[in-house]
């Protein structure tokens, strides 16, 4: 496992991206979530590799994007925080009741992260929907549970983020990075 690469995972609307933004502001290398970027690209180009259109194509695009990001992060020094990791694709496929192709499972095993994975739990007080995040509260809770199960099944230790403001969460992550 790469001791320098850390993942923040969980369901939609749990504050992952806000936390990643704060960690980047503090000078920590961060890698943004691929899903939102792909949705924007597909909407702009008229493509259908979208979670509400062709879920298999969307997962394939996420894998391509995430493998490139993982490779590029090798050149960075110090800790790197990923807004979702390659195992999230396995979780996404499971959520959609789609089979996990062997090459996706292999990529999730081969592109390893630090043994500790940060999980942003479902938090009703901050959950919101938008044009790219269309999941319901129930779907967000289920997604969080599936991501927890996916990472645990791959041998990762789940570190649940506290339900607190961004400063508290970022302080928690930084303390874990130092330990």
N, C-alpha and C. Protein backbone atom coordinates (compact mmCIF):
# COMPACT_ATOMS: atom_id res chain seq x y z
N UNK A 1 0.84 -1.17 0.00
CA UNK A 1 0.00 0.00 0.00
C UNK A 1 0.89 1.24 0.00
N UNK A 2 0.43 2.27 -0.66
CA UNK A 2 1.19 3.52 -0.68
C UNK A 2 0.88 4.31 0.59
N UNK A 3 1.88 4.49 1.42
CA UNK A 3 1.68 5.22 2.67
C UNK A 3 1.35 6.69 2.45
N UNK A 4 1.70 7.23 1.29
CA UNK A 4 1.50 8.66 1.02
C UNK A 4 0.13 9.00 0.44
N UNK A 5 -0.57 8.02 -0.10
CA UNK A 5 -1.83 8.25 -0.79
C UNK A 5 -3.00 7.92 0.13
N UNK A 6 -3.83 8.92 0.40
CA UNK A 6 -4.98 8.76 1.29
C UNK A 6 -6.26 9.02 0.51
N UNK A 7 -7.31 8.27 0.83
CA UNK A 7 -8.61 8.43 0.17
C UNK A 7 -9.62 8.99 1.16
N UNK A 8 -10.44 9.91 0.65
CA UNK A 8 -11.64 10.34 1.35
C UNK A 8 -12.81 9.79 0.53
N UNK A 9 -13.63 8.97 1.15
CA UNK A 9 -14.76 8.36 0.46
C UNK A 9 -16.03 8.56 1.28
N UNK A 10 -17.13 8.07 0.78
CA UNK A 10 -18.42 8.17 1.45
C UNK A 10 -19.51 8.40 0.43
N UNK A 11 -20.66 8.75 0.91
CA UNK A 11 -21.78 9.02 0.01
C UNK A 11 -21.74 10.44 -0.52
N UNK A 12 -22.62 10.74 -1.46
CA UNK A 12 -22.70 12.10 -1.99
C UNK A 12 -23.24 13.05 -0.93
N UNK A 13 -22.78 14.29 -0.98
CA UNK A 13 -23.29 15.32 -0.09
C UNK A 13 -22.84 15.22 1.35
N UNK A 14 -21.72 14.51 1.59
CA UNK A 14 -21.23 14.33 2.96
C UNK A 14 -20.06 15.25 3.30
N UNK A 15 -19.71 16.16 2.39
CA UNK A 15 -18.66 17.13 2.66
C UNK A 15 -17.26 16.75 2.20
N UNK A 16 -17.14 15.72 1.37
CA UNK A 16 -15.82 15.27 0.90
C UNK A 16 -15.10 16.37 0.13
N UNK A 17 -15.76 16.94 -0.84
CA UNK A 17 -15.11 17.94 -1.70
C UNK A 17 -14.76 19.20 -0.91
N UNK A 18 -15.62 19.60 0.02
CA UNK A 18 -15.31 20.77 0.86
C UNK A 18 -14.07 20.49 1.70
N UNK A 19 -13.95 19.27 2.21
CA UNK A 19 -12.77 18.90 2.99
C UNK A 19 -11.53 18.91 2.11
N UNK A 20 -11.62 18.33 0.92
CA UNK A 20 -10.49 18.30 -0.02
C UNK A 20 -10.04 19.73 -0.34
N UNK A 21 -10.99 20.61 -0.55
CA UNK A 21 -10.68 22.01 -0.86
C UNK A 21 -9.92 22.66 0.30
N UNK A 22 -10.36 22.40 1.53
CA UNK A 22 -9.68 22.96 2.70
C UNK A 22 -8.28 22.38 2.86
N UNK A 23 -8.12 21.09 2.63
CA UNK A 23 -6.79 20.48 2.74
C UNK A 23 -5.85 21.05 1.68
N UNK A 24 -6.36 21.28 0.48
CA UNK A 24 -5.53 21.91 -0.57
C UNK A 24 -5.15 23.33 -0.16
N UNK A 25 -6.09 24.06 0.44
CA UNK A 25 -5.80 25.42 0.90
C UNK A 25 -4.68 25.41 1.93
N UNK A 26 -4.58 24.32 2.69
CA UNK A 26 -3.54 24.18 3.71
C UNK A 26 -2.22 23.68 3.13
N UNK A 27 -2.17 23.48 1.83
CA UNK A 27 -0.92 23.11 1.19
C UNK A 27 -0.70 21.62 0.98
N UNK A 28 -1.71 20.82 1.22
CA UNK A 28 -1.60 19.38 1.01
C UNK A 28 -2.00 19.07 -0.43
N UNK A 29 -1.24 18.19 -1.08
CA UNK A 29 -1.59 17.79 -2.44
C UNK A 29 -2.92 17.06 -2.43
N UNK A 30 -3.82 17.44 -3.34
CA UNK A 30 -5.12 16.78 -3.43
C UNK A 30 -5.43 16.43 -4.89
N UNK A 31 -6.24 15.40 -5.04
CA UNK A 31 -6.69 14.94 -6.35
C UNK A 31 -8.21 15.01 -6.34
N UNK A 32 -8.81 15.80 -7.25
CA UNK A 32 -10.27 15.95 -7.24
C UNK A 32 -10.99 14.68 -7.70
N UNK A 33 -12.26 14.61 -7.33
CA UNK A 33 -13.12 13.50 -7.73
C UNK A 33 -13.29 13.50 -9.25
N UNK A 34 -13.21 12.33 -9.85
CA UNK A 34 -13.37 12.23 -11.31
C UNK A 34 -14.82 12.31 -11.74
N UNK A 35 -15.74 11.83 -10.91
CA UNK A 35 -17.14 11.74 -11.31
C UNK A 35 -17.73 13.05 -11.77
N UNK A 36 -17.55 14.10 -10.99
CA UNK A 36 -18.12 15.40 -11.37
C UNK A 36 -17.50 15.94 -12.66
N UNK A 37 -16.20 15.76 -12.82
CA UNK A 37 -15.53 16.23 -14.03
C UNK A 37 -16.09 15.50 -15.26
N UNK A 38 -16.29 14.20 -15.12
CA UNK A 38 -16.82 13.42 -16.23
C UNK A 38 -18.25 13.85 -16.56
N UNK A 39 -19.06 14.09 -15.55
CA UNK A 39 -20.43 14.55 -15.78
C UNK A 39 -20.42 15.86 -16.56
N UNK A 40 -19.57 16.80 -16.13
CA UNK A 40 -19.48 18.09 -16.84
C UNK A 40 -19.06 17.90 -18.29
N UNK A 41 -18.03 17.06 -18.50
CA UNK A 41 -17.54 16.81 -19.87
C UNK A 41 -18.62 16.18 -20.73
N UNK A 42 -19.31 15.19 -20.18
CA UNK A 42 -20.35 14.50 -20.95
C UNK A 42 -21.53 15.41 -21.28
N UNK A 43 -21.93 16.24 -20.31
CA UNK A 43 -23.02 17.17 -20.57
C UNK A 43 -22.64 18.19 -21.63
N UNK A 44 -21.39 18.66 -21.58
CA UNK A 44 -20.92 19.65 -22.55
C UNK A 44 -20.82 19.05 -23.95
N UNK A 45 -20.38 17.79 -24.03
CA UNK A 45 -20.18 17.17 -25.35
C UNK A 45 -21.41 16.43 -25.86
N UNK A 46 -22.44 16.33 -25.03
CA UNK A 46 -23.63 15.59 -25.44
C UNK A 46 -23.46 14.08 -25.32
N UNK A 47 -22.46 13.65 -24.55
CA UNK A 47 -22.21 12.22 -24.36
C UNK A 47 -23.18 11.60 -23.39
N UNK A 48 -23.15 10.27 -23.32
CA UNK A 48 -24.08 9.58 -22.41
C UNK A 48 -23.38 8.73 -21.35
N UNK A 49 -22.07 8.94 -21.14
CA UNK A 49 -21.36 8.24 -20.05
C UNK A 49 -21.68 8.97 -18.75
N UNK A 50 -22.94 8.84 -18.35
CA UNK A 50 -23.49 9.55 -17.19
C UNK A 50 -24.15 8.56 -16.25
N UNK A 51 -24.17 8.87 -14.95
CA UNK A 51 -24.76 7.93 -14.00
C UNK A 51 -26.27 7.73 -14.20
N UNK A 52 -26.93 8.62 -14.91
CA UNK A 52 -28.36 8.46 -15.16
C UNK A 52 -28.64 8.04 -16.61
N UNK A 53 -27.55 7.70 -17.34
CA UNK A 53 -27.71 7.26 -18.73
C UNK A 53 -27.02 5.91 -18.92
N UNK A 54 -25.71 5.92 -19.19
CA UNK A 54 -24.96 4.68 -19.40
C UNK A 54 -23.98 4.50 -18.25
N UNK A 55 -24.41 3.78 -17.23
CA UNK A 55 -23.62 3.62 -16.02
C UNK A 55 -22.32 2.85 -16.25
N UNK A 56 -22.36 1.89 -17.14
CA UNK A 56 -21.15 1.12 -17.44
C UNK A 56 -20.10 2.01 -18.10
N UNK A 57 -20.53 2.83 -19.04
CA UNK A 57 -19.61 3.76 -19.71
C UNK A 57 -19.09 4.80 -18.72
N UNK A 58 -19.95 5.24 -17.81
CA UNK A 58 -19.54 6.20 -16.78
C UNK A 58 -18.46 5.58 -15.89
N UNK A 59 -18.65 4.35 -15.47
CA UNK A 59 -17.64 3.66 -14.64
C UNK A 59 -16.33 3.50 -15.41
N UNK A 60 -16.41 3.17 -16.70
CA UNK A 60 -15.20 3.02 -17.51
C UNK A 60 -14.44 4.34 -17.61
N UNK A 61 -15.17 5.44 -17.79
CA UNK A 61 -14.53 6.77 -17.85
C UNK A 61 -13.89 7.11 -16.50
N UNK A 62 -14.58 6.78 -15.39
CA UNK A 62 -14.00 7.05 -14.08
C UNK A 62 -12.70 6.27 -13.89
N UNK A 63 -12.68 5.00 -14.32
CA UNK A 63 -11.47 4.19 -14.16
C UNK A 63 -10.32 4.80 -14.96
N UNK A 64 -10.56 5.18 -16.20
CA UNK A 64 -9.51 5.81 -17.01
C UNK A 64 -8.98 7.06 -16.32
N UNK A 65 -9.89 7.90 -15.89
CA UNK A 65 -9.52 9.17 -15.25
C UNK A 65 -8.74 8.91 -13.96
N UNK A 66 -9.23 7.98 -13.13
CA UNK A 66 -8.60 7.71 -11.84
C UNK A 66 -7.23 7.06 -11.99
N UNK A 67 -7.06 6.19 -12.98
CA UNK A 67 -5.74 5.58 -13.20
C UNK A 67 -4.73 6.63 -13.64
N UNK A 68 -5.15 7.57 -14.48
CA UNK A 68 -4.26 8.66 -14.89
C UNK A 68 -3.89 9.52 -13.69
N UNK A 69 -4.87 9.84 -12.85
CA UNK A 69 -4.62 10.68 -11.68
C UNK A 69 -3.69 9.97 -10.70
N UNK A 70 -3.90 8.68 -10.50
CA UNK A 70 -3.05 7.89 -9.59
C UNK A 70 -1.61 7.89 -10.10
N UNK A 71 -1.45 7.69 -11.39
CA UNK A 71 -0.11 7.69 -11.99
C UNK A 71 0.56 9.06 -11.85
N UNK A 72 -0.18 10.11 -12.14
CA UNK A 72 0.37 11.47 -12.05
C UNK A 72 0.74 11.82 -10.62
N UNK A 73 0.00 11.30 -9.65
CA UNK A 73 0.27 11.60 -8.25
C UNK A 73 1.59 11.00 -7.78
N UNK A 74 2.11 10.02 -8.49
CA UNK A 74 3.40 9.41 -8.12
C UNK A 74 4.51 10.46 -8.11
N UNK A 75 4.38 11.49 -8.95
CA UNK A 75 5.41 12.53 -9.05
C UNK A 75 5.34 13.56 -7.92
N UNK A 76 4.27 13.54 -7.14
CA UNK A 76 4.11 14.50 -6.06
C UNK A 76 4.84 14.02 -4.81
N UNK A 77 5.34 14.95 -4.03
CA UNK A 77 6.00 14.57 -2.78
C UNK A 77 5.04 14.78 -1.62
N UNK A 78 5.29 14.06 -0.55
CA UNK A 78 4.46 14.19 0.64
C UNK A 78 3.12 13.52 0.47
N UNK A 79 2.23 13.72 1.44
CA UNK A 79 0.92 13.08 1.37
C UNK A 79 0.08 13.63 0.22
N UNK A 80 -0.75 12.76 -0.34
CA UNK A 80 -1.68 13.13 -1.41
C UNK A 80 -3.05 12.61 -0.98
N UNK A 81 -4.04 13.50 -1.01
CA UNK A 81 -5.40 13.14 -0.61
C UNK A 81 -6.26 13.05 -1.86
N UNK A 82 -6.88 11.90 -2.06
CA UNK A 82 -7.75 11.66 -3.21
C UNK A 82 -9.21 11.81 -2.80
N UNK A 83 -9.96 12.59 -3.57
CA UNK A 83 -11.41 12.68 -3.39
C UNK A 83 -12.00 11.47 -4.12
N UNK A 84 -12.13 10.39 -3.42
CA UNK A 84 -12.53 9.06 -3.89
C UNK A 84 -11.32 8.36 -4.52
N UNK A 85 -11.32 7.04 -4.40
CA UNK A 85 -10.26 6.22 -4.96
C UNK A 85 -10.82 5.21 -5.94
N UNK A 86 -9.95 4.45 -6.54
CA UNK A 86 -10.37 3.46 -7.54
C UNK A 86 -11.35 2.44 -6.95
N UNK A 87 -11.22 2.02 -5.67
CA UNK A 87 -12.24 1.12 -5.13
C UNK A 87 -13.65 1.70 -5.15
N UNK A 88 -13.78 3.02 -5.17
CA UNK A 88 -15.12 3.63 -5.25
C UNK A 88 -15.85 3.19 -6.52
N UNK A 89 -15.10 2.89 -7.57
CA UNK A 89 -15.73 2.43 -8.82
C UNK A 89 -16.37 1.06 -8.59
N UNK A 90 -15.69 0.20 -7.84
CA UNK A 90 -16.28 -1.09 -7.50
C UNK A 90 -17.57 -0.87 -6.70
N UNK A 91 -17.53 0.03 -5.75
CA UNK A 91 -18.71 0.34 -4.96
C UNK A 91 -19.84 0.89 -5.81
N UNK A 92 -19.49 1.77 -6.75
CA UNK A 92 -20.50 2.34 -7.65
C UNK A 92 -21.18 1.23 -8.47
N UNK A 93 -20.38 0.34 -9.03
CA UNK A 93 -20.95 -0.75 -9.82
C UNK A 93 -21.85 -1.64 -8.96
N UNK A 94 -21.43 -1.91 -7.74
CA UNK A 94 -22.26 -2.72 -6.83
C UNK A 94 -23.58 -2.00 -6.54
N UNK A 95 -23.52 -0.69 -6.31
CA UNK A 95 -24.73 0.08 -6.07
C UNK A 95 -25.71 0.00 -7.23
N UNK A 96 -25.16 -0.06 -8.43
CA UNK A 96 -25.98 -0.11 -9.64
C UNK A 96 -26.38 -1.53 -10.01
N UNK A 97 -26.02 -2.50 -9.17
CA UNK A 97 -26.28 -3.92 -9.45
C UNK A 97 -25.66 -4.36 -10.77
N UNK A 98 -24.48 -3.79 -11.06
CA UNK A 98 -23.74 -4.15 -12.26
C UNK A 98 -22.54 -5.00 -11.84
N UNK A 99 -22.12 -5.94 -12.70
CA UNK A 99 -20.95 -6.74 -12.35
C UNK A 99 -19.68 -5.89 -12.34
N UNK A 100 -18.76 -6.27 -11.48
CA UNK A 100 -17.45 -5.61 -11.43
C UNK A 100 -16.53 -6.38 -12.37
N UNK A 101 -16.16 -5.77 -13.51
CA UNK A 101 -15.27 -6.48 -14.43
C UNK A 101 -13.93 -6.80 -13.77
N UNK A 102 -13.31 -7.90 -14.16
CA UNK A 102 -12.03 -8.28 -13.55
C UNK A 102 -10.97 -7.18 -13.62
N UNK A 103 -10.93 -6.42 -14.72
CA UNK A 103 -9.90 -5.38 -14.83
C UNK A 103 -10.14 -4.25 -13.83
N UNK A 104 -11.39 -4.00 -13.44
CA UNK A 104 -11.68 -2.98 -12.44
C UNK A 104 -11.24 -3.47 -11.06
N UNK A 105 -11.57 -4.72 -10.74
CA UNK A 105 -11.15 -5.31 -9.46
C UNK A 105 -9.63 -5.35 -9.36
N UNK A 106 -8.97 -5.68 -10.45
CA UNK A 106 -7.50 -5.73 -10.47
C UNK A 106 -6.92 -4.33 -10.25
N UNK A 107 -7.49 -3.34 -10.91
CA UNK A 107 -7.00 -1.96 -10.74
C UNK A 107 -7.17 -1.51 -9.29
N UNK A 108 -8.29 -1.88 -8.66
CA UNK A 108 -8.52 -1.51 -7.27
C UNK A 108 -7.52 -2.18 -6.34
N UNK A 109 -7.10 -3.39 -6.68
CA UNK A 109 -6.10 -4.09 -5.86
C UNK A 109 -4.69 -3.55 -6.13
N UNK A 110 -4.39 -3.23 -7.39
CA UNK A 110 -3.03 -2.83 -7.76
C UNK A 110 -2.70 -1.38 -7.39
N UNK A 111 -3.65 -0.49 -7.53
CA UNK A 111 -3.43 0.93 -7.20
C UNK A 111 -3.78 1.12 -5.73
N UNK A 112 -2.83 0.84 -4.88
CA UNK A 112 -3.10 0.84 -3.44
C UNK A 112 -2.92 2.22 -2.83
N UNK A 113 -3.66 2.43 -1.77
CA UNK A 113 -3.62 3.67 -1.01
C UNK A 113 -3.17 3.33 0.40
N UNK A 114 -3.02 4.36 1.23
CA UNK A 114 -2.69 4.14 2.64
C UNK A 114 -3.76 3.22 3.25
N UNK A 115 -3.36 2.41 4.19
CA UNK A 115 -4.27 1.44 4.81
C UNK A 115 -5.45 2.11 5.50
N UNK A 116 -5.27 3.39 5.90
CA UNK A 116 -6.37 4.12 6.53
C UNK A 116 -7.11 4.93 5.48
N UNK A 117 -8.41 4.70 5.40
CA UNK A 117 -9.27 5.43 4.45
C UNK A 117 -10.23 6.29 5.26
N UNK A 118 -10.35 7.56 4.89
CA UNK A 118 -11.25 8.47 5.58
C UNK A 118 -12.65 8.36 4.98
N UNK A 119 -13.63 8.09 5.82
CA UNK A 119 -15.01 7.95 5.38
C UNK A 119 -15.82 9.13 5.90
N UNK A 120 -16.41 9.88 4.97
CA UNK A 120 -17.32 10.97 5.34
C UNK A 120 -18.70 10.33 5.48
N UNK A 121 -19.19 10.20 6.72
CA UNK A 121 -20.48 9.53 6.91
C UNK A 121 -21.63 10.39 6.40
N UNK A 122 -22.76 9.72 6.10
CA UNK A 122 -23.95 10.48 5.73
C UNK A 122 -24.27 11.44 6.88
N UNK A 123 -24.56 12.67 6.53
CA UNK A 123 -24.82 13.71 7.52
C UNK A 123 -25.98 14.55 6.99
N UNK A 124 -27.16 14.27 7.50
CA UNK A 124 -28.38 14.88 6.98
C UNK A 124 -28.32 16.40 6.99
N UNK A 125 -27.69 16.98 8.00
CA UNK A 125 -27.65 18.45 8.13
C UNK A 125 -26.95 19.14 6.96
N UNK A 126 -26.01 18.47 6.30
CA UNK A 126 -25.28 19.13 5.21
C UNK A 126 -25.62 18.56 3.84
N UNK A 127 -26.41 17.50 3.79
CA UNK A 127 -26.74 16.87 2.51
C UNK A 127 -27.52 17.83 1.61
N UNK A 128 -27.07 17.96 0.36
CA UNK A 128 -27.78 18.75 -0.64
C UNK A 128 -27.71 18.03 -1.98
N UNK A 129 -28.63 18.37 -2.85
CA UNK A 129 -28.62 17.87 -4.22
C UNK A 129 -28.32 19.05 -5.14
N UNK A 130 -27.80 18.74 -6.34
CA UNK A 130 -27.57 19.77 -7.33
C UNK A 130 -27.67 19.13 -8.72
N UNK A 131 -27.26 19.85 -9.75
CA UNK A 131 -27.43 19.34 -11.11
C UNK A 131 -26.57 18.11 -11.39
N UNK A 132 -25.50 17.94 -10.64
CA UNK A 132 -24.62 16.78 -10.83
C UNK A 132 -24.85 15.71 -9.77
N UNK A 133 -25.37 16.10 -8.63
CA UNK A 133 -25.63 15.18 -7.52
C UNK A 133 -27.15 15.04 -7.39
N UNK A 134 -27.68 13.98 -8.00
CA UNK A 134 -29.12 13.80 -8.05
C UNK A 134 -29.62 12.75 -7.07
N UNK A 135 -28.73 12.13 -6.30
CA UNK A 135 -29.13 11.06 -5.39
C UNK A 135 -30.02 11.59 -4.27
N UNK A 136 -30.93 10.72 -3.82
CA UNK A 136 -31.78 11.05 -2.68
C UNK A 136 -30.99 10.83 -1.39
N UNK A 137 -31.57 11.24 -0.28
CA UNK A 137 -30.95 11.00 1.02
C UNK A 137 -30.74 9.50 1.25
N UNK A 138 -31.75 8.70 0.93
CA UNK A 138 -31.64 7.24 1.12
C UNK A 138 -30.51 6.68 0.26
N UNK A 139 -30.40 7.15 -0.98
CA UNK A 139 -29.32 6.68 -1.87
C UNK A 139 -27.95 7.12 -1.33
N UNK A 140 -27.89 8.31 -0.76
CA UNK A 140 -26.62 8.79 -0.20
C UNK A 140 -26.21 7.93 1.00
N UNK A 141 -27.17 7.58 1.85
CA UNK A 141 -26.87 6.71 2.99
C UNK A 141 -26.41 5.32 2.53
N UNK A 142 -27.09 4.79 1.53
CA UNK A 142 -26.72 3.48 0.99
C UNK A 142 -25.34 3.53 0.37
N UNK A 143 -25.05 4.60 -0.36
CA UNK A 143 -23.73 4.74 -0.97
C UNK A 143 -22.64 4.73 0.09
N UNK A 144 -22.86 5.45 1.17
CA UNK A 144 -21.87 5.48 2.25
C UNK A 144 -21.63 4.07 2.78
N UNK A 145 -22.70 3.33 3.01
CA UNK A 145 -22.57 1.96 3.54
C UNK A 145 -21.82 1.06 2.56
N UNK A 146 -22.11 1.19 1.27
CA UNK A 146 -21.44 0.36 0.27
C UNK A 146 -19.96 0.71 0.17
N UNK A 147 -19.61 1.99 0.26
CA UNK A 147 -18.20 2.38 0.20
C UNK A 147 -17.45 1.84 1.42
N UNK A 148 -18.08 1.90 2.58
CA UNK A 148 -17.48 1.34 3.79
C UNK A 148 -17.21 -0.16 3.58
N UNK A 149 -18.20 -0.88 3.09
CA UNK A 149 -18.06 -2.33 2.85
C UNK A 149 -16.99 -2.62 1.80
N UNK A 150 -16.98 -1.85 0.73
CA UNK A 150 -16.03 -2.08 -0.37
C UNK A 150 -14.59 -1.93 0.12
N UNK A 151 -14.31 -0.83 0.80
CA UNK A 151 -12.94 -0.61 1.29
C UNK A 151 -12.56 -1.62 2.36
N UNK A 152 -13.48 -1.94 3.26
CA UNK A 152 -13.19 -2.93 4.30
C UNK A 152 -12.89 -4.30 3.68
N UNK A 153 -13.65 -4.67 2.65
CA UNK A 153 -13.42 -5.96 1.98
C UNK A 153 -12.05 -6.02 1.31
N UNK A 154 -11.51 -4.86 0.94
CA UNK A 154 -10.18 -4.80 0.32
C UNK A 154 -9.07 -4.67 1.37
N UNK A 155 -9.44 -4.69 2.64
CA UNK A 155 -8.44 -4.68 3.71
C UNK A 155 -8.08 -3.32 4.27
N UNK A 156 -8.82 -2.29 3.90
CA UNK A 156 -8.53 -0.95 4.41
C UNK A 156 -9.18 -0.75 5.78
N UNK A 157 -8.54 0.08 6.59
CA UNK A 157 -9.08 0.47 7.90
C UNK A 157 -9.89 1.74 7.69
N UNK A 158 -11.13 1.74 8.14
CA UNK A 158 -12.01 2.89 7.95
C UNK A 158 -11.84 3.86 9.12
N UNK A 159 -11.51 5.10 8.78
CA UNK A 159 -11.40 6.18 9.75
C UNK A 159 -12.57 7.13 9.49
N UNK A 160 -13.60 7.06 10.32
CA UNK A 160 -14.78 7.90 10.09
C UNK A 160 -14.49 9.34 10.49
N UNK A 161 -14.78 10.26 9.57
CA UNK A 161 -14.58 11.68 9.84
C UNK A 161 -15.62 12.16 10.84
N UNK A 162 -15.24 13.07 11.72
CA UNK A 162 -16.22 13.61 12.66
C UNK A 162 -17.24 14.47 11.93
N UNK A 163 -18.45 14.50 12.45
CA UNK A 163 -19.48 15.41 11.91
C UNK A 163 -19.27 16.75 12.59
N UNK A 164 -18.49 17.57 11.96
CA UNK A 164 -18.16 18.89 12.48
C UNK A 164 -17.81 19.80 11.32
N UNK A 165 -17.47 21.03 11.62
CA UNK A 165 -17.17 21.97 10.55
C UNK A 165 -15.89 21.55 9.79
N UNK A 166 -15.66 22.21 8.69
CA UNK A 166 -14.53 21.86 7.82
C UNK A 166 -13.20 21.97 8.56
N UNK A 167 -13.05 22.98 9.41
CA UNK A 167 -11.80 23.13 10.16
C UNK A 167 -11.56 21.91 11.04
N UNK A 168 -12.59 21.45 11.74
CA UNK A 168 -12.46 20.28 12.60
C UNK A 168 -12.10 19.04 11.79
N UNK A 169 -12.76 18.88 10.67
CA UNK A 169 -12.48 17.70 9.83
C UNK A 169 -11.06 17.74 9.27
N UNK A 170 -10.64 18.91 8.79
CA UNK A 170 -9.30 19.04 8.23
C UNK A 170 -8.24 18.84 9.31
N UNK A 171 -8.48 19.36 10.51
CA UNK A 171 -7.56 19.14 11.63
C UNK A 171 -7.46 17.65 11.94
N UNK A 172 -8.59 16.94 11.91
CA UNK A 172 -8.62 15.50 12.16
C UNK A 172 -7.75 14.76 11.13
N UNK A 173 -7.93 15.09 9.85
CA UNK A 173 -7.14 14.44 8.80
C UNK A 173 -5.67 14.75 8.98
N UNK A 174 -5.32 16.01 9.22
CA UNK A 174 -3.91 16.36 9.39
C UNK A 174 -3.30 15.62 10.59
N UNK A 175 -4.04 15.49 11.66
CA UNK A 175 -3.52 14.75 12.83
C UNK A 175 -3.27 13.29 12.47
N UNK A 176 -4.16 12.71 11.69
CA UNK A 176 -3.98 11.33 11.24
C UNK A 176 -2.78 11.19 10.30
N UNK A 177 -2.55 12.20 9.47
CA UNK A 177 -1.40 12.16 8.56
C UNK A 177 -0.09 12.19 9.33
N UNK A 178 -0.08 12.89 10.46
CA UNK A 178 1.13 13.00 11.28
C UNK A 178 1.38 11.76 12.12
N UNK A 179 0.34 10.99 12.41
CA UNK A 179 0.50 9.83 13.30
C UNK A 179 0.97 8.59 12.56
